[in-house]
C-alpha atoms as a PDB file:
ATOM      1  CA  MET A   1      14.770  17.589   5.822  1.00  0.00           C
ATOM      2  CA  SER A   2      13.107  20.470   7.690  1.00  0.00           C
ATOM      3  CA  ASN A   3      11.576  21.711   4.420  1.00  0.00           C
ATOM      4  CA  GLY A   4      10.249  18.358   3.201  1.00  0.00           C
ATOM      5  CA  ARG A   5       6.640  17.608   2.345  1.00  0.00           C
ATOM      6  CA  LEU A   6       6.223  15.795   5.682  1.00  0.00           C
ATOM      7  CA  ALA A   7       8.341  18.054   7.875  1.00  0.00           C
ATOM      8  CA  GLY A   8       7.251  17.716  11.483  1.00  0.00           C
ATOM      9  CA  LYS A   9       5.029  14.697  10.818  1.00  0.00           C
ATOM     10  CA  LYS A  10       5.031  11.636  13.062  1.00  0.00           C
ATOM     11  CA  ALA A  11       4.410   8.440  11.139  1.00  0.00           C
ATOM     12  CA  LEU A  12       3.717   4.788  11.761  1.00  0.00           C
ATOM     13  CA  VAL A  13       4.374   2.538   8.754  1.00  0.00           C
ATOM     14  CA  THR A  14       3.293  -1.081   9.061  1.00  0.00           C
ATOM     15  CA  GLY A  15       5.048  -3.857   7.203  1.00  0.00           C
ATOM     16  CA  ALA A  16       8.135  -1.660   7.006  1.00  0.00           C
ATOM     17  CA  ASP A  17      10.725  -4.418   7.129  1.00  0.00           C
ATOM     18  CA  THR A  18      10.758  -5.201   3.393  1.00  0.00           C
ATOM     19  CA  GLY A  19       9.603  -4.035  -0.014  1.00  0.00           C
ATOM     20  CA  ILE A  20       7.051  -1.273  -0.351  1.00  0.00           C
ATOM     21  CA  GLY A  21       6.680  -0.587   3.375  1.00  0.00           C
ATOM     22  CA  ARG A  22      10.408  -0.228   3.921  1.00  0.00           C
ATOM     23  CA  GLU A  23      10.685   2.261   1.078  1.00  0.00           C
ATOM     24  CA  ILE A  24       7.685   4.208   2.389  1.00  0.00           C
ATOM     25  CA  ALA A  25       9.349   4.529   5.792  1.00  0.00           C
ATOM     26  CA  LEU A  26      12.562   5.778   4.176  1.00  0.00           C
ATOM     27  CA  GLU A  27      10.697   8.211   1.905  1.00  0.00           C
ATOM     28  CA  PHE A  28       8.726   9.635   4.819  1.00  0.00           C
ATOM     29  CA  ALA A  29      12.007  10.287   6.621  1.00  0.00           C
ATOM     30  CA  ARG A  30      13.485  11.888   3.480  1.00  0.00           C
ATOM     31  CA  GLN A  31      10.440  14.170   3.491  1.00  0.00           C
ATOM     32  CA  GLY A  32      11.033  15.183   7.106  1.00  0.00           C
ATOM     33  CA  ALA A  33       8.982  12.769   9.230  1.00  0.00           C
ATOM     34  CA  ASP A  34       9.916  10.786  12.318  1.00  0.00           C
ATOM     35  CA  VAL A  35       8.966   7.147  11.800  1.00  0.00           C
ATOM     36  CA  VAL A  36       8.017   4.031  13.720  1.00  0.00           C
ATOM     37  CA  LEU A  37       8.673   0.994  11.543  1.00  0.00           C
ATOM     38  CA  HIS A  38       6.618  -2.121  12.129  1.00  0.00           C
ATOM     39  CA  ALA A  39       8.455  -5.384  11.457  1.00  0.00           C
ATOM     40  CA  SER A  40       6.631  -8.672  11.016  1.00  0.00           C
ATOM     41  CA  HIS A  41       9.282 -11.102   9.755  1.00  0.00           C
ATOM     42  CA  HIS A  42      12.559  -9.327   8.970  1.00  0.00           C
ATOM     43  CA  LYS A  43      13.613  -7.177  11.921  1.00  0.00           C
ATOM     44  CA  ASP A  44      17.212  -6.949  10.704  1.00  0.00           C
ATOM     45  CA  SER A  45      16.047  -5.207   7.531  1.00  0.00           C
ATOM     46  CA  ALA A  46      13.843  -2.837   9.519  1.00  0.00           C
ATOM     47  CA  ASP A  47      16.721  -2.085  11.896  1.00  0.00           C
ATOM     48  CA  ALA A  48      18.925  -1.175   8.924  1.00  0.00           C
ATOM     49  CA  ALA A  49      16.225   1.145   7.576  1.00  0.00           C
ATOM     50  CA  ALA A  50      15.846   2.743  11.008  1.00  0.00           C
ATOM     51  CA  ALA A  51      19.598   3.376  11.096  1.00  0.00           C
ATOM     52  CA  GLU A  52      19.338   5.125   7.708  1.00  0.00           C
ATOM     53  CA  ILE A  53      16.501   7.269   9.028  1.00  0.00           C
ATOM     54  CA  GLN A  54      18.448   8.222  12.137  1.00  0.00           C
ATOM     55  CA  ALA A  55      21.390   9.168   9.922  1.00  0.00           C
ATOM     56  CA  MET A  56      19.042  11.665   8.233  1.00  0.00           C
ATOM     57  CA  GLY A  57      18.509  13.316  11.612  1.00  0.00           C
ATOM     58  CA  ARG A  58      15.049  11.850  12.147  1.00  0.00           C
ATOM     59  CA  LYS A  59      13.738   9.710  14.996  1.00  0.00           C
ATOM     60  CA  ALA A  60      13.099   6.041  14.262  1.00  0.00           C
ATOM     61  CA  LEU A  61      11.988   2.970  16.204  1.00  0.00           C
ATOM     62  CA  VAL A  62      11.400  -0.622  15.121  1.00  0.00           C
ATOM     63  CA  VAL A  63       8.523  -2.536  16.729  1.00  0.00           C
ATOM     64  CA  GLU A  64       7.762  -6.179  16.031  1.00  0.00           C
ATOM     65  CA  ALA A  65       4.156  -7.386  15.905  1.00  0.00           C
ATOM     66  CA  ASP A  66       2.232 -10.324  14.447  1.00  0.00           C
ATOM     67  CA  PHE A  67      -1.034  -9.010  13.044  1.00  0.00           C
ATOM     68  CA  ASN A  68      -2.581 -12.455  13.317  1.00  0.00           C
ATOM     69  CA  ASP A  69      -2.708 -11.600  17.038  1.00  0.00           C
ATOM     70  CA  LEU A  70      -5.028  -8.637  17.579  1.00  0.00           C
ATOM     71  CA  GLN A  71      -3.406  -7.648  20.867  1.00  0.00           C
ATOM     72  CA  GLN A  72      -0.045  -7.324  19.139  1.00  0.00           C
ATOM     73  CA  ALA A  73      -1.608  -5.162  16.402  1.00  0.00           C
ATOM     74  CA  THR A  74      -3.215  -2.747  18.839  1.00  0.00           C
ATOM     75  CA  GLY A  75      -0.121  -2.860  21.033  1.00  0.00           C
ATOM     76  CA  LEU A  76       1.885  -1.585  18.058  1.00  0.00           C
ATOM     77  CA  ALA A  77      -0.311   1.517  17.979  1.00  0.00           C
ATOM     78  CA  GLU A  78       0.275   2.141  21.666  1.00  0.00           C
ATOM     79  CA  LYS A  79       4.056   1.753  21.330  1.00  0.00           C
ATOM     80  CA  ALA A  80       4.171   4.107  18.345  1.00  0.00           C
ATOM     81  CA  ILE A  81       2.207   6.760  20.211  1.00  0.00           C
ATOM     82  CA  ALA A  82       4.425   6.395  23.266  1.00  0.00           C
ATOM     83  CA  PHE A  83       7.595   6.846  21.190  1.00  0.00           C
ATOM     84  CA  LEU A  84       6.415   9.692  18.970  1.00  0.00           C
ATOM     85  CA  GLY A  85       4.125  11.463  21.452  1.00  0.00           C
ATOM     86  CA  SER A  86       1.346  11.276  18.881  1.00  0.00           C
ATOM     87  CA  VAL A  87       0.835   9.886  15.370  1.00  0.00           C
ATOM     88  CA  ASN A  88      -0.475  12.065  12.547  1.00  0.00           C
ATOM     89  CA  CYS A  89       0.457   9.810   9.609  1.00  0.00           C
ATOM     90  CA  LEU A  90      -0.480   6.135   9.439  1.00  0.00           C
ATOM     91  CA  VAL A  91       0.382   3.903   6.498  1.00  0.00           C
ATOM     92  CA  ASN A  92      -1.353   0.534   6.684  1.00  0.00           C
ATOM     93  CA  ASN A  93       0.939  -1.430   4.409  1.00  0.00           C
ATOM     94  CA  ALA A  94       1.347  -4.740   6.264  1.00  0.00           C
ATOM     95  CA  GLY A  95      -0.188  -7.683   4.465  1.00  0.00           C
ATOM     96  CA  ILE A  96       0.340 -11.196   3.208  1.00  0.00           C
ATOM     97  CA  THR A  97      -0.448 -12.810  -0.142  1.00  0.00           C
ATOM     98  CA  PHE A  98      -1.906 -16.275  -0.444  1.00  0.00           C
ATOM     99  CA  ASN A  99      -3.085 -17.963  -3.602  1.00  0.00           C
ATOM    100  CA  SER A 100      -5.043 -21.201  -3.797  1.00  0.00           C
ATOM    101  CA  PRO A 101      -7.831 -22.683  -5.910  1.00  0.00           C
ATOM    102  CA  PHE A 102     -11.128 -21.713  -4.294  1.00  0.00           C
ATOM    103  CA  LEU A 103     -12.102 -25.319  -3.554  1.00  0.00           C
ATOM    104  CA  LYS A 104      -8.851 -25.905  -1.649  1.00  0.00           C
ATOM    105  CA  ILE A 105      -8.912 -22.873   0.659  1.00  0.00           C
ATOM    106  CA  GLN A 106      -8.893 -23.927   4.304  1.00  0.00           C
ATOM    107  CA  PRO A 107     -10.537 -21.863   7.081  1.00  0.00           C
ATOM    108  CA  GLU A 108      -7.228 -21.316   8.881  1.00  0.00           C
ATOM    109  CA  TYR A 109      -5.687 -19.763   5.746  1.00  0.00           C
ATOM    110  CA  PHE A 110      -8.765 -17.608   5.210  1.00  0.00           C
ATOM    111  CA  ASP A 111      -8.715 -16.434   8.825  1.00  0.00           C
ATOM    112  CA  ARG A 112      -5.019 -15.561   8.758  1.00  0.00           C
ATOM    113  CA  LEU A 113      -5.430 -13.551   5.556  1.00  0.00           C
ATOM    114  CA  PHE A 114      -8.257 -11.488   7.029  1.00  0.00           C
ATOM    115  CA  ASN A 115      -6.543 -11.095  10.401  1.00  0.00           C
ATOM    116  CA  VAL A 116      -3.294  -9.807   8.904  1.00  0.00           C
ATOM    117  CA  ASN A 117      -4.643  -7.876   5.924  1.00  0.00           C
ATOM    118  CA  PHE A 118      -7.806  -6.361   7.385  1.00  0.00           C
ATOM    119  CA  ARG A 119      -8.798  -7.116  10.985  1.00  0.00           C
ATOM    120  CA  GLY A 120      -5.457  -6.230  12.594  1.00  0.00           C
ATOM    121  CA  PRO A 121      -5.022  -2.998  10.601  1.00  0.00           C
ATOM    122  CA  PHE A 122      -8.677  -2.071  11.216  1.00  0.00           C
ATOM    123  CA  PHE A 123      -8.359  -2.092  14.996  1.00  0.00           C
ATOM    124  CA  LEU A 124      -4.861  -0.623  14.933  1.00  0.00           C
ATOM    125  CA  THR A 125      -6.332   2.248  12.934  1.00  0.00           C
ATOM    126  CA  GLN A 126      -9.047   2.655  15.549  1.00  0.00           C
ATOM    127  CA  LYS A 127      -6.397   3.213  18.223  1.00  0.00           C
ATOM    128  CA  ILE A 128      -4.456   5.644  16.046  1.00  0.00           C
ATOM    129  CA  VAL A 129      -7.564   7.636  15.089  1.00  0.00           C
ATOM    130  CA  GLU A 130      -8.421   8.126  18.770  1.00  0.00           C
ATOM    131  CA  ASN A 131      -4.989   9.708  19.157  1.00  0.00           C
ATOM    132  CA  MET A 132      -5.245  11.741  15.954  1.00  0.00           C
ATOM    133  CA  VAL A 133      -8.560  13.294  16.987  1.00  0.00           C
ATOM    134  CA  ARG A 134      -7.079  14.348  20.333  1.00  0.00           C
ATOM    135  CA  HIS A 135      -4.053  15.924  18.659  1.00  0.00           C
ATOM    136  CA  GLY A 136      -5.581  17.890  15.802  1.00  0.00           C
ATOM    137  CA  GLY A 137      -6.116  15.259  13.101  1.00  0.00           C
ATOM    138  CA  GLY A 138      -3.959  13.386  10.643  1.00  0.00           C
ATOM    139  CA  ALA A 139      -3.849  11.322   7.476  1.00  0.00           C
ATOM    140  CA  ILE A 140      -4.177   7.601   6.826  1.00  0.00           C
ATOM    141  CA  CYS A 141      -2.970   5.810   3.713  1.00  0.00           C
ATOM    142  CA  ASN A 142      -4.145   2.220   3.242  1.00  0.00           C
ATOM    143  CA  LEU A 143      -2.464  -0.164   0.827  1.00  0.00           C
ATOM    144  CA  SER A 144      -4.926  -2.152  -1.237  1.00  0.00           C
ATOM    145  CA  SER A 145      -4.209  -3.761  -4.624  1.00  0.00           C
ATOM    146  CA  ILE A 146      -5.582  -4.011  -8.133  1.00  0.00           C
ATOM    147  CA  HIS A 147      -6.701  -7.463  -6.940  1.00  0.00           C
ATOM    148  CA  GLY A 148      -9.423  -5.535  -5.104  1.00  0.00           C
ATOM    149  CA  LEU A 149     -10.654  -4.178  -8.436  1.00  0.00           C
ATOM    150  CA  GLN A 150     -10.136  -6.975 -10.941  1.00  0.00           C
ATOM    151  CA  GLY A 151     -10.327 -10.744 -10.848  1.00  0.00           C
ATOM    152  CA  ALA A 152      -7.453 -13.219 -10.938  1.00  0.00           C
ATOM    153  CA  PRO A 153      -7.670 -17.001 -10.567  1.00  0.00           C
ATOM    154  CA  GLU A 154      -6.730 -18.479  -7.181  1.00  0.00           C
ATOM    155  CA  HIS A 155      -6.898 -15.101  -5.424  1.00  0.00           C
ATOM    156  CA  SER A 156     -10.505 -15.051  -4.202  1.00  0.00           C
ATOM    157  CA  ALA A 157      -9.696 -14.728  -0.479  1.00  0.00           C
ATOM    158  CA  TYR A 158      -6.771 -12.331  -0.986  1.00  0.00           C
ATOM    159  CA  ALA A 159      -8.852 -10.179  -3.321  1.00  0.00           C
ATOM    160  CA  ALA A 160     -11.629 -10.087  -0.727  1.00  0.00           C
ATOM    161  CA  THR A 161      -9.254  -8.554   1.824  1.00  0.00           C
ATOM    162  CA  LYS A 162      -8.116  -5.933  -0.663  1.00  0.00           C
ATOM    163  CA  GLY A 163     -11.691  -5.139  -1.661  1.00  0.00           C
ATOM    164  CA  ALA A 164     -12.539  -4.738   2.015  1.00  0.00           C
ATOM    165  CA  ILE A 165      -9.743  -2.186   2.346  1.00  0.00           C
ATOM    166  CA  ILE A 166     -11.155  -0.159  -0.550  1.00  0.00           C
ATOM    167  CA  ALA A 167     -14.683  -0.192   0.883  1.00  0.00           C
ATOM    168  CA  SER A 168     -13.454   0.637   4.385  1.00  0.00           C
ATOM    169  CA  THR A 169     -11.322   3.492   3.055  1.00  0.00           C
ATOM    170  CA  ARG A 170     -14.335   5.029   1.355  1.00  0.00           C
ATOM    171  CA  ALA A 171     -16.580   4.710   4.412  1.00  0.00           C
ATOM    172  CA  LEU A 172     -14.003   5.866   6.955  1.00  0.00           C
ATOM    173  CA  GLY A 173     -13.015   8.727   4.699  1.00  0.00           C
ATOM    174  CA  VAL A 174     -16.459  10.285   4.836  1.00  0.00           C
ATOM    175  CA  GLU A 175     -16.941   9.453   8.520  1.00  0.00           C
ATOM    176  CA  LEU A 176     -13.695  10.965   9.752  1.00  0.00           C
ATOM    177  CA  ALA A 177     -13.042  13.914   7.425  1.00  0.00           C
ATOM    178  CA  HIS A 178     -14.983  16.415   9.529  1.00  0.00           C
ATOM    179  CA  ARG A 179     -12.895  15.357  12.532  1.00  0.00           C
ATOM    180  CA  GLY A 180      -9.660  16.269  10.763  1.00  0.00           C
ATOM    181  CA  VAL A 181      -8.647  12.750   9.757  1.00  0.00           C
ATOM    182  CA  ARG A 182      -8.251  12.041   6.049  1.00  0.00           C
ATOM    183  CA  VAL A 183      -8.359   8.451   4.795  1.00  0.00           C
ATOM    184  CA  ASN A 184      -7.246   7.404   1.314  1.00  0.00           C
ATOM    185  CA  ALA A 185      -5.733   4.306  -0.261  1.00  0.00           C
ATOM    186  CA  ILE A 186      -3.364   3.164  -2.974  1.00  0.00           C
ATOM    187  CA  ALA A 187      -4.046   0.151  -5.183  1.00  0.00           C
ATOM    188  CA  PRO A 188      -0.691  -0.833  -6.687  1.00  0.00           C
ATOM    189  CA  GLY A 189      -0.335  -3.052  -9.700  1.00  0.00           C
ATOM    190  CA  TRP A 190       2.814  -4.984 -10.490  1.00  0.00           C
ATOM    191  CA  VAL A 191       5.493  -3.729  -8.101  1.00  0.00           C
ATOM    192  CA  THR A 192       8.556  -5.957  -7.977  1.00  0.00           C
ATOM    193  CA  VAL A 193       9.736  -6.704  -4.443  1.00  0.00           C
ATOM    194  CA  GLU A 194      12.150  -9.180  -2.886  1.00  0.00           C
ATOM    195  CA  ASN A 195       9.515 -11.866  -2.402  1.00  0.00           C
ATOM    196  CA  TYR A 196       9.021 -12.275  -6.151  1.00  0.00           C
ATOM    197  CA  PHE A 197      12.482 -13.785  -6.431  1.00  0.00           C
ATOM    198  CA  LYS A 198      11.693 -16.239  -3.625  1.00  0.00           C
ATOM    199  CA  VAL A 199       8.256 -17.568  -4.541  1.00  0.00           C
ATOM    200  CA  ILE A 200       7.937 -17.331  -8.339  1.00  0.00           C
ATOM    201  CA  PRO A 201       9.821 -20.185 -10.041  1.00  0.00           C
ATOM    202  CA  GLY A 202      12.454 -18.876 -12.445  1.00  0.00           C
ATOM    203  CA  PHE A 203      11.706 -15.218 -11.730  1.00  0.00           C
ATOM    204  CA  SER A 204      14.479 -12.911 -12.917  1.00  0.00           C
ATOM    205  CA  GLU A 205      14.757  -9.160 -13.303  1.00  0.00           C
ATOM    206  CA  GLU A 206      15.726  -9.489 -16.966  1.00  0.00           C
ATOM    207  CA  GLN A 207      12.671 -11.591 -17.853  1.00  0.00           C
ATOM    208  CA  ALA A 208      10.423  -9.403 -15.727  1.00  0.00           C
ATOM    209  CA  LYS A 209      11.495  -6.317 -17.667  1.00  0.00           C
ATOM    210  CA  LYS A 210      10.619  -8.049 -20.940  1.00  0.00           C
ATOM    211  CA  ASP A 211       7.274  -9.258 -19.635  1.00  0.00           C
ATOM    212  CA  ALA A 212       6.380  -5.851 -18.219  1.00  0.00           C
ATOM    213  CA  TYR A 213       7.313  -4.132 -21.463  1.00  0.00           C
ATOM    214  CA  ASN A 214       4.846  -6.334 -23.318  1.00  0.00           C
ATOM    215  CA  ALA A 215       2.074  -6.391 -20.721  1.00  0.00           C
ATOM    216  CA  VAL A 216       2.046  -2.992 -19.000  1.00  0.00           C
ATOM    217  CA  PRO A 217       1.165   0.181 -20.942  1.00  0.00           C
ATOM    218  CA  ALA A 218       3.879   2.093 -19.072  1.00  0.00           C
ATOM    219  CA  ALA A 219       6.340  -0.485 -20.475  1.00  0.00           C
ATOM    220  CA  ARG A 220       7.786  -1.304 -17.060  1.00  0.00           C
ATOM    221  CA  TYR A 221       6.853  -2.786 -13.730  1.00  0.00           C
ATOM    222  CA  GLY A 222       6.545  -0.611 -10.665  1.00  0.00           C
ATOM    223  CA  VAL A 223       9.182  -0.205  -7.973  1.00  0.00           C
ATOM    224  CA  PRO A 224       8.607   0.502  -4.270  1.00  0.00           C
ATOM    225  CA  VAL A 225       9.576   4.171  -4.499  1.00  0.00           C
ATOM    226  CA  ASP A 226       6.680   4.739  -6.936  1.00  0.00           C
ATOM    227  CA  VAL A 227       4.292   3.798  -4.146  1.00  0.00           C
ATOM    228  CA  ALA A 228       6.299   5.581  -1.470  1.00  0.00           C
ATOM    229  CA  ARG A 229       6.132   8.934  -3.255  1.00  0.00           C
ATOM    230  CA  LEU A 230       2.367   8.674  -3.687  1.00  0.00           C
ATOM    231  CA  ALA A 231       1.923   7.707  -0.034  1.00  0.00           C
ATOM    232  CA  ALA A 232       3.950  10.769   1.002  1.00  0.00           C
ATOM    233  CA  PHE A 233       1.721  12.966  -1.144  1.00  0.00           C
ATOM    234  CA  LEU A 234      -1.474  11.489   0.299  1.00  0.00           C
ATOM    235  CA  CYS A 235      -0.251  12.055   3.856  1.00  0.00           C
ATOM    236  CA  GLY A 236       0.988  15.563   3.140  1.00  0.00           C
ATOM    237  CA  ASP A 237      -0.770  18.910   3.233  1.00  0.00           C
ATOM    238  CA  GLU A 238      -1.065  19.103  -0.559  1.00  0.00           C
ATOM    239  CA  ALA A 239      -3.755  16.396  -0.483  1.00  0.00           C
ATOM    240  CA  THR A 240      -6.070  17.927   2.112  1.00  0.00           C
ATOM    241  CA  PHE A 241      -9.079  17.925  -0.255  1.00  0.00           C
ATOM    242  CA  MET A 242      -8.690  14.229  -1.130  1.00  0.00           C
ATOM    243  CA  VAL A 243     -10.959  12.039   0.983  1.00  0.00           C
ATOM    244  CA  GLY A 244     -11.999   8.396   0.744  1.00  0.00           C
ATOM    245  CA  GLN A 245     -10.272   7.760  -2.566  1.00  0.00           C
ATOM    246  CA  THR A 246      -8.364   4.723  -3.805  1.00  0.00           C
ATOM    247  CA  ILE A 247      -5.669   5.756  -6.256  1.00  0.00           C
ATOM    248  CA  VAL A 248      -4.734   3.071  -8.766  1.00  0.00           C
ATOM    249  CA  LEU A 249      -0.978   3.017  -9.363  1.00  0.00           C
ATOM    250  CA  ASP A 250      -0.428   0.328 -11.973  1.00  0.00           C
ATOM    251  CA  GLY A 251       1.196   1.763 -15.083  1.00  0.00           C
ATOM    252  CA  GLY A 252      -2.124   1.528 -16.923  1.00  0.00           C
ATOM    253  CA  THR A 253      -2.773  -2.159 -16.235  1.00  0.00           C
ATOM    254  CA  THR A 254      -6.406  -1.828 -15.176  1.00  0.00           C
ATOM    255  CA  SER A 255      -7.086   0.827 -17.816  1.00  0.00           C
ATOM    256  CA  LEU A 256      -6.122  -1.602 -20.566  1.00  0.00           C
ATOM    257  CA  MET A 257      -9.034  -3.519 -22.048  1.00  0.00           C
ATOM    258  CA  SER A 258      -8.136  -7.176 -21.631  1.00  0.00           C
ATOM    259  CA  LEU A 259      -9.344  -8.063 -25.137  1.00  0.00           C
ATOM    260  CA  ILE A 260      -6.673  -5.875 -26.711  1.00  0.00           C
ATOM    261  CA  SER A 261      -3.675  -8.058 -27.508  1.00  0.00           C
ATOM    262  CA  ASP A 262      -1.364  -5.477 -29.069  1.00  0.00           C
ATOM    263  CA  PHE A 263      -1.777  -1.952 -27.741  1.00  0.00           C
ATOM    264  CA  ARG A 264       1.354  -0.417 -29.288  1.00  0.00           C
ATOM    265  CA  GLY A 265       0.821  -0.865 -33.011  1.00  0.00           C
ATOM    266  CA  GLU A 266      -1.923   0.679 -35.122  1.00  0.00           C
ATOM    267  CA  SER A 267      -4.882  -1.645 -35.419  1.00  0.00           C
ATOM    268  CA  GLN A 268      -5.437  -3.244 -38.810  1.00  0.00           C
ATOM    269  CA  ALA A 269      -9.163  -3.493 -38.118  1.00  0.00           C
ATOM    270  CA  LYS A 270     -11.153  -0.447 -39.229  1.00  0.00           C
ATOM    271  CA  PHE A 271     -14.429  -0.571 -37.371  1.00  0.00           C
ATOM    272  CA  GLY A 272     -17.005   1.924 -38.546  1.00  0.00           C
ATOM    273  CA  VAL A 273     -15.096   3.163 -41.588  1.00  0.00           C
ATOM    274  CA  GLU A 274     -17.896   2.123 -43.884  1.00  0.00           C
ATOM    275  CA  TYR A 275     -20.296   4.383 -42.012  1.00  0.00           C
ATOM    276  CA  LEU A 276     -17.970   7.374 -42.152  1.00  0.00           C
ATOM    277  CA  THR A 277     -17.306   6.995 -45.865  1.00  0.00           C
ATOM    278  CA  LYS A 278     -20.799   5.967 -46.912  1.00  0.00           C
ATOM    279  CA  LYS A 279     -22.512   8.414 -49.243  1.00  0.00           C
END
C-alpha cells in the first residue's frame, strides 16, 4: 500500500455507498490513500467498504449527507477535512438519474436533480478547494456522463446536469491549475451497477452481455473498477499535466457513428470505388 499510486493521499469520495463510487473508494485505498466515504442512501454498504479499507491498513470514515440540502453537502467537506487533516483528492461521484418526457418534468424533480448532481457538489468543491490551496494543492475528479455529450430521449434535465459538470470542469481547471489544484472529469458510458437490476424491467446480466456485445465496440459493458482505475490515475502524480479535461470512458460508444448498424463485418457498400478505378 505504501508504494501505491496514491500513497499518502487523503481522499473524499462522494456517493461511495454503492456502484462506481464504492469501487472508487476501495481502489483509492488499494493505491495507498486514506478515504472518507460519503453515503447518501446505503450506509450499511459504505460501512462494509470502510471496514475493507481499514483492513488494508488505511484510515476510513463514513459520513452521511443529503446533497439536496446544501448545508449537509458543505458539512460533508468540513467533516472530511476534520477527519483527514486535509483533503488532496476529491472525487465528485454522487448523483441521481431521473428520466421523464420533457413535457412532464415537474420543477421539484428538476430542482432535486440540479441540487444533488451539480449545486451540492459545486459548493462542496468550493470548501475542499479552500483547504487544498492552504495545504499545497490537490486533484479533483468529477463524474459526468456520455449523456452530457450526446442526446437521449427523456433525459433532458439529467443531461443538463452532466453537461454542466463538463463545462464547470473545463472552467475550474484553467482557473485553479496555477494554484496547484487540478480538475478533470470522467464521462462513463454503460457501466452496470446494482441499480440497473432494480429499475430496468427484466434486466439480467446474461441479456446485458448480449446487448453490450452487439451495441458497444468494446463488445462489453463497463464495470465500476474501469472507472475507479481511471479516477485513481487522474488524481495521481502521473496526470499532473492534465487539466480541465473530460475523459470519455465508454468502450467506443460515442465514437461509433449512429448510422452504422453493423460495425463488425466488412461493408458490402463500396463508396467511391468507381472514382478509384476510373480511367
